[in-house]
Amino acid sequence: MSWQALLKLLRTYELDTTVHGFRSAFKTWCIEQTATPWAVGEAALAHVVGNSVEAAYVRTDLFDQRRHLMQDWANYVAP
């Protein structure tokens, strides 16, 4: 989901928060409440991890780990 789509949702429901606030809450939850590796949390936020040399060697998108992480997040925010 793009940040523009999330921003539209926030405005539609007149929620007093920001897109960055949601992303920050997710990353904080990853760090404090899970044993998720740093790189998986960063990939879930679509962040580039490492420099160009590291990127040349890391060829995974961590899809399965991100999928499990997002399911855990969904369970956390909507039990």
N, C-alpha and C. Protein backbone atom coordinates (compact mmCIF):
# COMPACT_ATOMS: atom_id res chain seq x y z
N MET A 1 0.86 -1.17 0.00
CA MET A 1 0.00 0.00 0.00
C MET A 1 0.90 1.23 0.00
N SER A 2 0.60 2.15 -0.84
CA SER A 2 1.41 3.38 -0.90
C SER A 2 1.08 4.29 0.28
N TRP A 3 2.00 5.21 0.57
CA TRP A 3 1.75 6.13 1.66
C TRP A 3 0.59 7.06 1.33
N GLN A 4 0.37 7.33 0.03
CA GLN A 4 -0.75 8.19 -0.36
C GLN A 4 -2.09 7.52 -0.06
N ALA A 5 -2.15 6.20 -0.29
CA ALA A 5 -3.39 5.47 0.00
C ALA A 5 -3.67 5.46 1.50
N LEU A 6 -2.63 5.27 2.29
CA LEU A 6 -2.81 5.27 3.74
C LEU A 6 -3.19 6.67 4.23
N LEU A 7 -2.58 7.69 3.66
CA LEU A 7 -2.92 9.06 4.03
C LEU A 7 -4.38 9.36 3.73
N LYS A 8 -4.86 8.91 2.59
CA LYS A 8 -6.28 9.11 2.24
C LYS A 8 -7.19 8.42 3.26
N LEU A 9 -6.80 7.22 3.66
CA LEU A 9 -7.58 6.49 4.67
C LEU A 9 -7.61 7.25 5.99
N LEU A 10 -6.46 7.77 6.40
CA LEU A 10 -6.40 8.55 7.64
C LEU A 10 -7.31 9.78 7.57
N ARG A 11 -7.28 10.45 6.45
CA ARG A 11 -8.12 11.64 6.29
C ARG A 11 -9.60 11.28 6.22
N THR A 12 -9.92 10.18 5.55
CA THR A 12 -11.31 9.74 5.44
C THR A 12 -11.92 9.48 6.81
N TYR A 13 -11.13 8.82 7.68
CA TYR A 13 -11.63 8.49 9.01
C TYR A 13 -11.27 9.54 10.06
N GLU A 14 -10.72 10.67 9.59
CA GLU A 14 -10.37 11.79 10.45
C GLU A 14 -9.54 11.35 11.66
N LEU A 15 -8.53 10.49 11.38
CA LEU A 15 -7.65 10.01 12.44
C LEU A 15 -6.53 11.00 12.65
N ASP A 16 -6.21 11.28 13.90
CA ASP A 16 -5.18 12.26 14.24
C ASP A 16 -3.83 11.56 14.36
N THR A 17 -3.31 11.12 13.24
CA THR A 17 -1.99 10.49 13.19
C THR A 17 -1.41 10.70 11.80
N THR A 18 -0.21 10.20 11.61
CA THR A 18 0.45 10.34 10.31
C THR A 18 0.84 8.98 9.78
N VAL A 19 1.16 8.92 8.51
CA VAL A 19 1.64 7.68 7.90
C VAL A 19 2.94 7.28 8.59
N HIS A 20 3.81 8.25 8.81
CA HIS A 20 5.07 7.95 9.49
C HIS A 20 4.82 7.39 10.89
N GLY A 21 3.78 7.86 11.54
CA GLY A 21 3.44 7.34 12.87
C GLY A 21 3.12 5.86 12.84
N PHE A 22 2.40 5.41 11.81
CA PHE A 22 2.10 3.98 11.67
C PHE A 22 3.37 3.19 11.44
N ARG A 23 4.24 3.72 10.57
CA ARG A 23 5.49 3.02 10.26
C ARG A 23 6.37 2.95 11.50
N SER A 24 6.42 4.03 12.26
CA SER A 24 7.21 4.07 13.48
C SER A 24 6.67 3.09 14.52
N ALA A 25 5.35 3.03 14.65
CA ALA A 25 4.73 2.09 15.59
C ALA A 25 5.05 0.65 15.20
N PHE A 26 5.02 0.35 13.91
CA PHE A 26 5.34 -0.99 13.44
C PHE A 26 6.79 -1.35 13.77
N LYS A 27 7.72 -0.45 13.47
CA LYS A 27 9.13 -0.74 13.72
C LYS A 27 9.41 -0.90 15.20
N THR A 28 8.80 -0.05 16.03
CA THR A 28 8.96 -0.16 17.48
C THR A 28 8.42 -1.49 17.97
N TRP A 29 7.27 -1.91 17.48
CA TRP A 29 6.70 -3.21 17.85
C TRP A 29 7.65 -4.33 17.45
N CYS A 30 8.20 -4.26 16.24
CA CYS A 30 9.16 -5.28 15.78
C CYS A 30 10.31 -5.43 16.76
N ILE A 31 10.86 -4.30 17.18
CA ILE A 31 12.02 -4.31 18.06
C ILE A 31 11.65 -4.79 19.47
N GLU A 32 10.57 -4.28 20.00
CA GLU A 32 10.23 -4.54 21.40
C GLU A 32 9.45 -5.84 21.64
N GLN A 33 8.65 -6.26 20.67
CA GLN A 33 7.74 -7.37 20.92
C GLN A 33 8.04 -8.64 20.14
N THR A 34 9.03 -8.60 19.23
CA THR A 34 9.32 -9.78 18.43
C THR A 34 10.82 -10.04 18.42
N ALA A 35 11.19 -11.17 17.89
CA ALA A 35 12.60 -11.52 17.72
C ALA A 35 12.97 -11.38 16.23
N THR A 36 12.27 -10.51 15.55
CA THR A 36 12.49 -10.32 14.12
C THR A 36 13.86 -9.74 13.85
N PRO A 37 14.62 -10.35 12.94
CA PRO A 37 15.91 -9.76 12.56
C PRO A 37 15.72 -8.35 12.00
N TRP A 38 16.69 -7.50 12.28
CA TRP A 38 16.62 -6.09 11.85
C TRP A 38 16.32 -5.97 10.36
N ALA A 39 17.02 -6.76 9.55
CA ALA A 39 16.87 -6.67 8.10
C ALA A 39 15.45 -7.00 7.64
N VAL A 40 14.77 -7.90 8.33
CA VAL A 40 13.41 -8.27 7.95
C VAL A 40 12.46 -7.11 8.24
N GLY A 41 12.62 -6.48 9.40
CA GLY A 41 11.80 -5.31 9.72
C GLY A 41 12.02 -4.18 8.74
N GLU A 42 13.27 -3.97 8.36
CA GLU A 42 13.58 -2.93 7.38
C GLU A 42 12.98 -3.26 6.02
N ALA A 43 13.08 -4.52 5.61
CA ALA A 43 12.51 -4.94 4.32
C ALA A 43 11.00 -4.78 4.32
N ALA A 44 10.37 -5.04 5.47
CA ALA A 44 8.91 -4.88 5.57
C ALA A 44 8.51 -3.42 5.38
N LEU A 45 9.40 -2.52 5.72
CA LEU A 45 9.14 -1.09 5.53
C LEU A 45 9.66 -0.59 4.18
N ALA A 46 10.14 -1.50 3.37
CA ALA A 46 10.69 -1.19 2.04
C ALA A 46 11.92 -0.31 2.13
N HIS A 47 12.69 -0.47 3.21
CA HIS A 47 13.94 0.25 3.36
C HIS A 47 15.06 -0.55 2.70
N VAL A 48 16.03 0.14 2.16
CA VAL A 48 17.23 -0.49 1.62
C VAL A 48 18.19 -0.72 2.78
N VAL A 49 18.66 -1.95 2.91
CA VAL A 49 19.56 -2.29 4.00
C VAL A 49 20.98 -2.41 3.46
N GLY A 50 21.90 -1.72 4.10
CA GLY A 50 23.30 -1.83 3.72
C GLY A 50 23.69 -0.90 2.58
N ASN A 51 24.94 -1.06 2.18
CA ASN A 51 25.47 -0.23 1.10
C ASN A 51 25.46 -1.01 -0.21
N SER A 52 26.02 -0.45 -1.25
CA SER A 52 25.97 -1.09 -2.56
C SER A 52 26.75 -2.40 -2.60
N VAL A 53 27.81 -2.50 -1.81
CA VAL A 53 28.58 -3.75 -1.77
C VAL A 53 27.73 -4.86 -1.14
N GLU A 54 27.09 -4.57 -0.01
CA GLU A 54 26.22 -5.56 0.63
C GLU A 54 25.07 -5.93 -0.30
N ALA A 55 24.49 -4.96 -0.95
CA ALA A 55 23.37 -5.21 -1.86
C ALA A 55 23.76 -6.14 -3.00
N ALA A 56 25.02 -6.10 -3.40
CA ALA A 56 25.48 -6.97 -4.48
C ALA A 56 25.46 -8.43 -4.07
N TYR A 57 25.58 -8.70 -2.77
CA TYR A 57 25.64 -10.08 -2.28
C TYR A 57 24.34 -10.58 -1.70
N VAL A 58 23.51 -9.70 -1.23
CA VAL A 58 22.23 -10.10 -0.63
C VAL A 58 21.18 -10.11 -1.73
N ARG A 59 20.74 -11.30 -2.11
CA ARG A 59 19.83 -11.44 -3.25
C ARG A 59 18.43 -11.91 -2.84
N THR A 60 18.08 -11.76 -1.60
CA THR A 60 16.78 -12.22 -1.14
C THR A 60 15.87 -11.04 -0.85
N ASP A 61 14.57 -11.27 -1.00
CA ASP A 61 13.60 -10.24 -0.62
C ASP A 61 12.98 -10.56 0.74
N LEU A 62 13.42 -11.68 1.35
CA LEU A 62 12.95 -12.10 2.68
C LEU A 62 11.43 -12.26 2.71
N PHE A 63 10.87 -12.65 1.58
CA PHE A 63 9.40 -12.67 1.44
C PHE A 63 8.71 -13.52 2.50
N ASP A 64 9.14 -14.76 2.69
CA ASP A 64 8.47 -15.63 3.66
C ASP A 64 8.56 -15.07 5.07
N GLN A 65 9.72 -14.54 5.43
CA GLN A 65 9.87 -13.96 6.77
C GLN A 65 9.01 -12.71 6.92
N ARG A 66 8.94 -11.90 5.87
CA ARG A 66 8.09 -10.70 5.92
C ARG A 66 6.61 -11.09 6.00
N ARG A 67 6.23 -12.13 5.28
CA ARG A 67 4.83 -12.59 5.30
C ARG A 67 4.44 -13.01 6.72
N HIS A 68 5.29 -13.76 7.38
CA HIS A 68 5.00 -14.19 8.76
C HIS A 68 4.96 -12.98 9.70
N LEU A 69 5.89 -12.06 9.51
CA LEU A 69 5.92 -10.86 10.34
C LEU A 69 4.64 -10.05 10.18
N MET A 70 4.18 -9.88 8.95
CA MET A 70 2.98 -9.09 8.72
C MET A 70 1.73 -9.78 9.28
N GLN A 71 1.72 -11.11 9.27
CA GLN A 71 0.60 -11.82 9.89
C GLN A 71 0.61 -11.61 11.40
N ASP A 72 1.81 -11.65 12.00
CA ASP A 72 1.92 -11.38 13.44
C ASP A 72 1.47 -9.96 13.75
N TRP A 73 1.84 -9.00 12.91
CA TRP A 73 1.42 -7.61 13.09
C TRP A 73 -0.10 -7.49 12.99
N ALA A 74 -0.69 -8.16 12.00
CA ALA A 74 -2.15 -8.13 11.83
C ALA A 74 -2.83 -8.71 13.07
N ASN A 75 -2.30 -9.79 13.61
CA ASN A 75 -2.85 -10.40 14.81
C ASN A 75 -2.73 -9.45 16.01
N TYR A 76 -1.66 -8.68 16.04
CA TYR A 76 -1.42 -7.75 17.15
C TYR A 76 -2.37 -6.55 17.10
N VAL A 77 -2.56 -5.97 15.93
CA VAL A 77 -3.39 -4.78 15.83
C VAL A 77 -4.88 -5.07 15.74
N ALA A 78 -5.24 -6.27 15.32
CA ALA A 78 -6.65 -6.63 15.23
C ALA A 78 -6.86 -8.05 15.76
N PRO A 79 -6.75 -8.20 17.08
CA PRO A 79 -6.85 -9.56 17.68
C PRO A 79 -8.20 -10.20 17.48
